[in-house]
Every structure is written in structure tokens, then in C-alpha cells.
Protein backbone atom coordinates (compact mmCIF):
# COMPACT_ATOMS: atom_id res chain seq x y z
CA MET A 1 0.19 -0.15 0.08
CA ILE A 2 1.43 3.39 -1.10
CA GLY A 3 -0.87 5.61 0.90
CA ILE A 4 -2.52 8.88 -0.18
CA VAL A 5 0.14 10.88 -2.65
CA LEU A 6 0.52 14.54 -2.35
CA ALA A 7 1.91 16.10 -5.43
CA THR A 8 3.99 19.61 -3.73
CA ASP A 9 6.53 22.05 -4.61
CA GLN A 10 8.96 19.73 -2.19
CA GLY A 11 8.07 16.58 -4.33
CA LEU A 12 5.79 13.54 -4.25
CA MET A 13 4.80 12.65 -0.74
CA HIS A 14 3.08 9.53 0.69
CA VAL A 15 0.42 10.09 3.82
CA LEU A 16 -1.07 7.15 5.55
CA PRO A 17 -3.11 8.06 8.90
CA GLY A 18 -1.71 8.39 12.44
CA ALA A 19 1.85 8.42 10.38
CA ASP A 20 4.13 11.32 9.40
CA ALA A 21 4.09 12.33 5.84
CA GLU A 22 7.26 10.77 4.00
CA LEU A 23 8.74 12.91 0.99
CA ALA A 24 8.82 10.08 -1.38
CA LEU A 25 10.18 11.75 -4.71
CA PRO A 26 12.25 15.18 -3.91
CA GLY A 27 12.27 17.47 -6.03
CA VAL A 28 9.95 16.66 -8.70
CA VAL A 29 7.01 18.75 -8.74
CA CYS A 30 4.03 16.98 -10.25
CA ILE A 31 0.34 18.12 -11.49
CA SER A 32 -1.18 15.01 -12.55
CA LEU A 33 -1.49 11.78 -10.41
CA ASP A 34 -3.13 8.34 -11.08
CA TYR A 35 -3.86 5.36 -9.21
CA ARG A 36 -5.23 1.67 -10.50
CA ASP A 37 -4.98 -1.97 -9.62
CA GLY A 38 -2.05 -1.34 -7.36
CA VAL A 39 0.28 0.93 -9.96
CA ALA A 40 0.43 4.74 -9.40
CA VAL A 41 1.78 7.26 -11.65
CA ALA A 42 2.77 10.68 -11.70
CA ALA A 43 3.51 13.43 -14.06
CA ALA A 44 6.04 16.40 -13.74
CA PRO A 45 6.12 18.86 -16.45
CA GLU A 46 9.61 19.42 -18.04
CA ARG A 47 10.63 16.17 -16.49
CA GLY A 48 8.46 13.35 -17.53
CA VAL A 49 6.60 10.42 -15.96
CA TRP A 50 7.17 8.22 -12.88
CA MET A 51 5.57 5.26 -12.06
CA ASN A 52 5.03 3.03 -8.73
CA GLU A 53 4.55 -0.49 -8.57
CA GLY A 54 4.58 -0.73 -4.92
CA ASP A 55 8.34 -0.96 -4.64
CA GLY A 56 9.30 2.72 -5.18
CA TRP A 57 9.10 5.56 -7.83
CA ARG A 58 10.83 5.00 -10.95
CA GLU A 59 10.91 7.13 -14.23
CA VAL A 60 9.41 5.88 -17.36
CA TRP A 61 8.98 8.88 -19.91
CA GLU A 62 11.10 11.95 -20.15
CA GLY A 63 9.16 15.15 -21.82
CA ASN A 64 7.18 17.55 -20.71
CA ALA A 65 4.08 15.62 -19.40
CA HIS A 66 0.87 17.84 -18.30
CA ILE A 67 -1.41 14.75 -17.45
CA VAL A 68 -0.68 10.84 -17.04
CA ARG A 69 -3.88 8.43 -16.79
CA LEU A 70 -4.22 4.36 -16.40
CA GLY A 71 -6.46 2.59 -18.45
CA GLY A 72 -8.13 -0.44 -17.36
CA ASP A 73 -6.48 -2.81 -19.52
CA GLY A 74 -2.94 -1.82 -17.89
CA VAL A 75 -2.13 1.00 -20.62
CA CYS A 76 -1.02 4.26 -19.28
CA TYR A 77 -1.62 7.42 -21.58
CA VAL A 78 0.84 10.56 -21.09
CA GLY A 79 -0.57 14.14 -22.56
CA GLU A 80 2.38 16.57 -23.40
CA SER A 81 2.33 20.09 -23.88
CA PRO A 82 2.23 21.42 -26.92
CA PRO A 83 -0.79 18.43 -27.22
CA ARG A 84 0.70 15.13 -27.73
CA LEU A 85 -0.34 12.31 -26.42
CA HIS A 86 2.05 8.82 -25.75
CA ARG A 87 0.63 5.39 -24.87
CA THR A 88 2.72 2.71 -23.12
CA ARG A 89 1.72 -0.97 -22.53
CA ASP A 90 4.28 -2.74 -20.75
CA GLY A 91 4.69 -0.32 -17.97
CA GLY A 92 7.01 2.52 -19.44
CA GLU A 93 9.29 0.19 -21.31
CA THR A 94 8.37 1.13 -24.73
CA TRP A 95 6.01 3.87 -25.97
CA ASP A 96 4.18 5.10 -29.07
CA GLU A 97 2.69 8.50 -29.96
CA LEU A 98 -0.92 8.93 -31.35
CA VAL A 99 0.34 10.59 -34.47
CA ASN A 100 -2.93 12.57 -34.93
CA VAL A 101 -3.34 14.86 -32.23
CA PRO A 102 -1.10 17.61 -33.40
CA SER A 103 -3.07 17.66 -36.49
CA ILE A 104 -6.52 18.13 -35.06
CA VAL A 105 -5.14 20.95 -32.95
CA ARG A 106 -3.62 22.38 -36.23
CA ALA A 107 -6.82 21.49 -37.83
CA HIS A 108 -9.05 23.02 -34.99
CA ALA A 109 -7.11 26.30 -35.22
CA ALA A 110 -7.02 26.86 -38.74
CA ARG A 111 -11.13 26.57 -38.95
CA ARG A 112 -11.03 29.69 -36.06
CA PRO A 113 -8.92 32.12 -36.97
CA GLY A 114 -10.70 34.62 -34.59
CA ALA A 115 -11.25 32.30 -31.78
CA SER A 116 -10.13 32.66 -28.23
CA ARG A 117 -6.08 32.18 -27.88
CA THR A 118 -6.31 30.03 -24.94
CA GLU A 119 -3.42 27.91 -24.64
CA VAL A 120 -4.63 24.39 -25.98
CA THR A 121 -3.85 21.84 -23.04
CA ILE A 122 -4.90 18.26 -22.61
CA VAL A 123 -6.84 18.20 -19.21
CA GLY A 124 -8.79 14.78 -19.55
CA ILE A 125 -8.26 11.52 -20.75
CA THR A 126 -10.67 8.80 -20.25
CA PHE A 127 -12.24 5.66 -21.86
CA PRO A 128 -15.97 5.61 -22.25
CA GLN A 129 -17.69 2.64 -23.31
CA GLY A 130 -14.12 1.14 -24.37
CA GLN A 131 -13.13 4.10 -26.75
CA LEU A 132 -11.11 7.13 -26.05
CA LEU A 133 -11.98 10.49 -25.15
CA LEU A 134 -9.30 13.49 -24.69
CA GLY A 135 -10.51 16.97 -23.04
CA MET A 136 -8.56 19.89 -24.21
CA ARG A 137 -8.69 23.20 -22.83
CA GLY A 138 -9.76 25.60 -25.61
CA MET A 139 -10.78 22.68 -28.02
CA GLY A 140 -13.53 20.70 -25.83
CA THR A 141 -13.70 17.02 -26.09
CA TRP A 142 -12.72 14.69 -28.80
CA LEU A 143 -13.63 11.46 -29.26
CA SER A 144 -11.47 8.22 -31.06
CA ARG A 145 -13.36 4.93 -31.60
CA ASP A 146 -10.17 3.46 -33.10
CA ARG A 147 -7.57 4.21 -30.42
CA GLY A 148 -6.47 7.03 -31.57
CA LEU A 149 -6.23 6.62 -35.13
CA SER A 150 -8.88 8.88 -36.28
CA TRP A 151 -10.82 11.82 -33.90
CA MET A 152 -14.28 13.26 -34.15
CA ARG A 153 -15.50 16.20 -31.97
CA GLY A 154 -17.33 14.87 -28.64
CA ASP A 155 -19.13 17.35 -26.88
CA GLN A 156 -20.83 19.38 -29.96
CA ILE A 157 -21.60 16.16 -32.36
CA GLU A 158 -25.31 16.08 -30.86
CA LEU A 159 -26.04 18.39 -28.32
CA SER A 160 -29.25 17.18 -25.96
CA ALA A 161 -32.51 19.59 -26.40
CA ARG A 162 -31.71 20.70 -22.36
CA SER A 163 -28.52 21.71 -23.28
CA GLU A 164 -28.07 25.56 -23.64
CA PRO A 165 -25.45 26.61 -26.24
CA LEU A 166 -23.52 28.88 -23.63
CA GLN A 167 -23.01 25.44 -21.89
CA ALA A 168 -21.59 23.57 -25.01
CA VAL A 169 -19.47 26.41 -25.36
CA ALA A 170 -18.28 26.89 -21.78
CA LEU A 171 -17.69 22.79 -21.42
CA GLY A 172 -15.58 23.27 -24.47
CA GLU A 173 -13.54 26.36 -24.31
CA HIS A 174 -12.86 26.61 -20.60
CA LEU A 175 -12.42 22.69 -19.59
CA ASN A 176 -10.63 21.84 -16.30
CA GLY A 177 -10.93 17.85 -16.15
CA LEU A 178 -12.70 14.79 -17.22
CA TRP A 179 -13.59 11.95 -15.07
CA ASP A 180 -14.74 8.29 -15.73
CA HIS A 181 -17.56 6.37 -13.60
CA LEU A 182 -16.02 3.25 -11.79
CA GLU A 183 -19.26 1.48 -12.92
CA ARG A 184 -20.95 2.61 -15.51
CA ASN A 185 -18.98 3.15 -18.90
CA ASP A 186 -21.33 5.30 -19.93
CA ARG A 187 -20.96 8.11 -17.68
CA LEU A 188 -18.69 10.87 -17.36
CA TYR A 189 -18.12 13.98 -15.51
CA ALA A 190 -16.59 17.44 -16.31
CA ALA A 191 -15.54 20.19 -14.43
CA SER A 192 -15.12 23.60 -16.54
CA ARG A 193 -15.24 27.45 -15.65
CA SER A 194 -19.11 27.21 -16.37
CA GLY A 195 -19.82 24.67 -13.77
CA PHE A 196 -20.04 20.88 -13.53
CA PHE A 197 -21.41 18.40 -16.03
CA ARG A 198 -22.34 14.82 -16.31
CA SER A 199 -22.88 13.04 -19.34
CA ASP A 200 -24.74 9.15 -19.44
CA ASP A 201 -23.81 8.63 -22.98
CA GLY A 202 -20.13 8.39 -23.28
CA GLY A 203 -19.67 12.30 -23.67
CA PHE A 204 -21.77 13.15 -26.55
CA THR A 205 -24.40 15.31 -24.44
CA TRP A 206 -23.78 17.04 -21.22
CA GLN A 207 -26.18 18.40 -18.90
CA ARG A 208 -25.19 20.82 -16.24
CA THR A 209 -26.67 20.62 -12.68
CA GLN A 210 -26.28 23.79 -10.48
CA GLN A 211 -29.03 23.37 -7.71
CA GLY A 212 -27.79 24.28 -4.35
CA LEU A 213 -24.10 25.55 -5.82
CA ASP A 214 -23.19 28.99 -5.46
CA ARG A 215 -20.35 29.12 -7.55
CA TYR A 216 -19.35 28.09 -11.14
CA TYR A 217 -15.57 27.37 -11.45
CA ALA A 218 -15.52 23.58 -11.00
CA ASN A 219 -11.93 22.38 -10.40
CA GLY A 220 -12.47 18.74 -9.40
CA VAL A 221 -14.84 15.60 -8.31
CA ALA A 222 -14.44 12.42 -6.53
CA VAL A 223 -16.98 9.83 -7.12
CA LEU A 224 -18.27 6.95 -5.20
CA PRO A 225 -20.65 4.92 -7.56
CA GLY A 226 -24.24 4.19 -6.20
CA THR A 227 -27.62 4.18 -6.93
CA PRO A 228 -27.44 7.21 -7.18
CA ASP A 229 -23.66 8.08 -6.93
CA THR A 230 -22.40 9.93 -4.19
CA LEU A 231 -20.05 13.18 -5.40
CA LEU A 232 -17.45 15.32 -3.42
CA LEU A 233 -16.97 18.24 -5.73
CA SER A 234 -14.25 21.27 -5.49
CA ILE A 235 -15.73 24.52 -6.95
CA ALA A 236 -14.53 27.99 -6.86
CA ALA A 237 -15.99 31.59 -7.79
CA ARG A 238 -13.21 32.14 -9.83
CA ALA A 239 -9.57 30.92 -11.04
CA ALA A 240 -7.18 30.50 -7.77
CA ASP A 241 -4.80 32.64 -9.62
CA ALA A 242 -7.53 35.58 -9.60
CA GLU A 243 -6.19 38.53 -7.88
CA GLU A 244 -9.60 38.54 -5.30
CA GLY A 245 -8.69 34.89 -4.41
CA PRO A 246 -10.64 32.02 -6.06
CA GLU A 247 -13.30 31.60 -2.32
CA ALA A 248 -13.31 27.90 -2.81
CA ALA A 249 -15.78 25.36 -1.42
CA LEU A 250 -17.10 21.93 -1.32
CA PHE A 251 -20.29 20.79 -2.00
CA ARG A 252 -21.58 17.03 -1.78
CA SER A 253 -24.33 15.42 -3.46
CA VAL A 254 -26.21 12.33 -2.62
CA ASN A 255 -28.22 12.16 -5.44
CA GLY A 256 -25.67 11.74 -8.68
CA GLY A 257 -25.50 15.50 -8.98
CA LEU A 258 -29.22 16.65 -9.23
CA MET A 259 -29.10 18.61 -5.51
CA TRP A 260 -25.97 19.76 -3.81
CA ASP A 261 -25.43 20.74 0.09
CA ARG A 262 -22.47 22.97 1.32
CA VAL A 263 -19.55 20.82 3.05
CA GLU A 264 -17.90 22.17 6.64
CA LEU A 265 -14.59 20.77 7.48
CA GLY A 266 -13.40 21.26 11.11
CA GLY A 267 -15.95 24.69 11.10
CA GLU A 268 -14.74 26.11 7.93
CA ASP A 269 -16.23 25.80 4.84
CA GLU A 270 -14.40 28.29 2.47
CA TRP A 271 -10.52 28.14 1.41
CA THR A 272 -8.20 30.17 -0.30
CA ARG A 273 -6.72 27.30 -2.17
CA PRO A 274 -9.22 24.78 -4.22
CA PRO A 275 -9.24 21.98 -1.87
CA LEU A 276 -8.30 18.62 -3.73
CA VAL A 277 -10.69 15.34 -3.55
CA GLY A 278 -10.33 11.96 -4.05
CA ALA A 279 -11.99 8.62 -3.32
CA VAL A 280 -11.33 4.76 -2.59
CA VAL A 281 -13.96 2.78 -3.89
CA GLY A 282 -14.72 -1.24 -2.81
CA GLY A 283 -14.97 -2.68 0.51
CA MET A 284 -14.28 0.54 2.36
CA ASP A 285 -15.74 3.39 0.39
CA MET A 286 -14.36 6.36 1.46
CA LEU A 287 -13.60 10.00 0.22
CA PHE A 288 -10.87 12.52 1.04
CA ALA A 289 -10.33 16.09 1.07
CA GLN A 290 -7.22 18.04 1.24
CA ALA A 291 -8.32 21.40 2.49
CA GLY A 292 -5.44 24.14 3.81
CA ASP A 293 -2.87 22.15 5.47
CA THR A 294 -4.56 18.96 6.62
CA ILE A 295 -6.29 15.90 4.74
CA TRP A 296 -9.84 14.61 6.03
CA ALA A 297 -11.58 11.28 5.52
CA SER A 298 -15.55 10.77 5.49
CA HIS A 299 -16.74 7.06 5.28
CA ASP A 300 -20.43 7.99 5.31
CA LYS A 301 -20.90 9.88 1.97
CA ALA A 302 -19.43 13.03 3.07
CA ALA A 303 -21.34 13.61 6.21
CA ARG A 304 -18.94 13.16 8.84
CA TRP A 305 -15.20 14.00 8.53
CA LEU A 306 -12.01 13.35 10.31
CA PRO A 307 -8.63 14.60 9.87
CA ILE A 308 -6.21 12.11 9.21
CA ALA A 309 -2.97 14.32 8.74
CA GLU A 310 -1.98 17.85 9.42
CA GLY A 311 0.41 20.20 9.19
CA LEU A 312 0.82 19.60 5.45
CA PRO A 313 2.05 21.68 2.55
CA PRO A 314 0.26 22.98 -0.14
CA ALA A 315 -0.57 20.32 -3.01
CA THR A 316 -1.52 20.63 -6.60
CA ALA A 317 -2.70 16.84 -7.01
CA MET A 318 -3.72 14.12 -4.68
CA VAL A 319 -4.73 10.53 -5.19
CA ALA A 320 -5.61 7.92 -2.62
CA ALA A 321 -3.23 4.54 -3.29
CA LEU A 322 -5.22 2.51 -0.86
């Protein structure tokens, strides 16, 4: 068991309840983490990707990594900046590039010469219904049905009748992240500058749910699958680097995102940095949140919380490798 992994300015830290935090990979500043089936991965800009299979961290890829994701079939994907996508099927021994990703970025820019100059960045890699869906800030979602050989626009293929044009544009241009559902391969979640979105058809159509939310800048979500799902959402009034501050908060939904309630941790319900959220699904369904310098855990769908580690440095990513 690796523990809860934090990506901090000091490097990767391991945290276990009741124990001191351990600086496990000093000096490697990561911004993306993932964990699946006993394997943890971490992406560091201008450095590369590290992998931990329970016996320590080892570098498996060198480059400008901005996001890393593990697929259910043992495949690891790395999103580079400028946008390129790489893949390994053998634990990082060999890699191949999905060569058409730069082409769709160039084609998108050529078709929209007067569009916003938002820097295009891969911010989400998901696997709906065995396919590959990329989320790119500045370009929206792009779907491949042939493992990356060809691509089509995902979130504007067929907008649902309930979706407003504003929602579709906001999801595409200001995307912050995409997440799979662990038990339903057609369900996805998306965070953007304009709110929190859900898809029940593999990313073809999206609905935004705001009832109970008083802010729109969604940063991340943790999901406990169920009937209905329990969601823990990190959301702010504005971007983390805004001059006025983000005014970040946590909300939970026990009905799959239809309605939201504010979460309070240790008497606080607003923070100067967006909280990080994570989940462990299985025999011990748990939700985690790092808010301020403390990691909190909940065993009862985010109704009650206990601090499990304190005095921690700020982090940019967290994953529960438990």
C-alpha cells in the first residue's frame, strides 16, 4: 500500500493515517496523479512521468508531461504540452505516440482564426465504452473509436435539447478536467469554468447541474458509485490565480449531482486554495479532501469528516493509492 499521494512543491509525499508524511520523491514537482490496480503514476512538467508498482518510484518517460492516466487494460497514457499523446502497454518499457493529436489541434486553429487564444492543453483522458475521449482546454472533447487513429469532436456532435449553447461553448473552451465512472462506462463528469457537467452517453451530450451551488468554477470531483452516486465537488467563485482569490468551497451530492449541499470541515467552509478531492471505492468506500494543511476522510458519504493528517504543504494533485 502506497498511501495517499500528494504532489507538492517539495516533491511527491506519501501520507498514511496516524503516521508522519514521507517525502517519497524529492524535488519532482508533479501536477497530475493517477492510481489503478496497485499502480500509481505521476506527471511532472518539463521532467516526465514516474511510476510506482509498490516498490518505489521510477522514471518511465521523459518529456513535458501535463497529465497521466491509467486505463483498465494496463495501458498508461501521457498528455504532453504542446498537445501530444503517448501510450505504453508494458509498464513504461516502450512508448508509441498517437500521431494524429497535433493534427486535430492545427486543424481546429485553422478553422477558427478569430477564436480565443486560450492555450490548448490536454486536461482529461477517459475511456467511455472502451473508446478514448480527450478533454482539451481551448478545444473541448474529442472522441476516438479506433484507439487514436481518427478523431471527432465529442461535446458538439449532438447537443441534447436540454443543453443551452452557452453550456456547450463553456465546456469546450474552459475545460478543467474529465473523470470516468468506475462502474458505468457510459457516464462521465466534467469540470469547467462554467460549472459541473455530467454525461450519460459517453460524452456525446452533457447536462449542467447547479441546484444548491453558489459558484461556477469547478475544479475536481470524487465519485462513490451507487444508486444514486455520491459526489464530492471542489468548486470556486473564480480561478485560483485570480487577484481577488478563488473563494473555494466543497459541496456534496447524494443523488448523482441533482442537488448539492455545502461541506464544512473543522468549522470552515471556504478556503483560499481549491480543496483536492479523492475516493477509495470497494470494501471501504471513503472520500478524502485536502483543505488547507489538513487531509480529511469520510466513511459516510461526506456527512461526517475526520482529520487524518495535518501540517501538510499546499498540493496541486492528490490520489488515494490505497
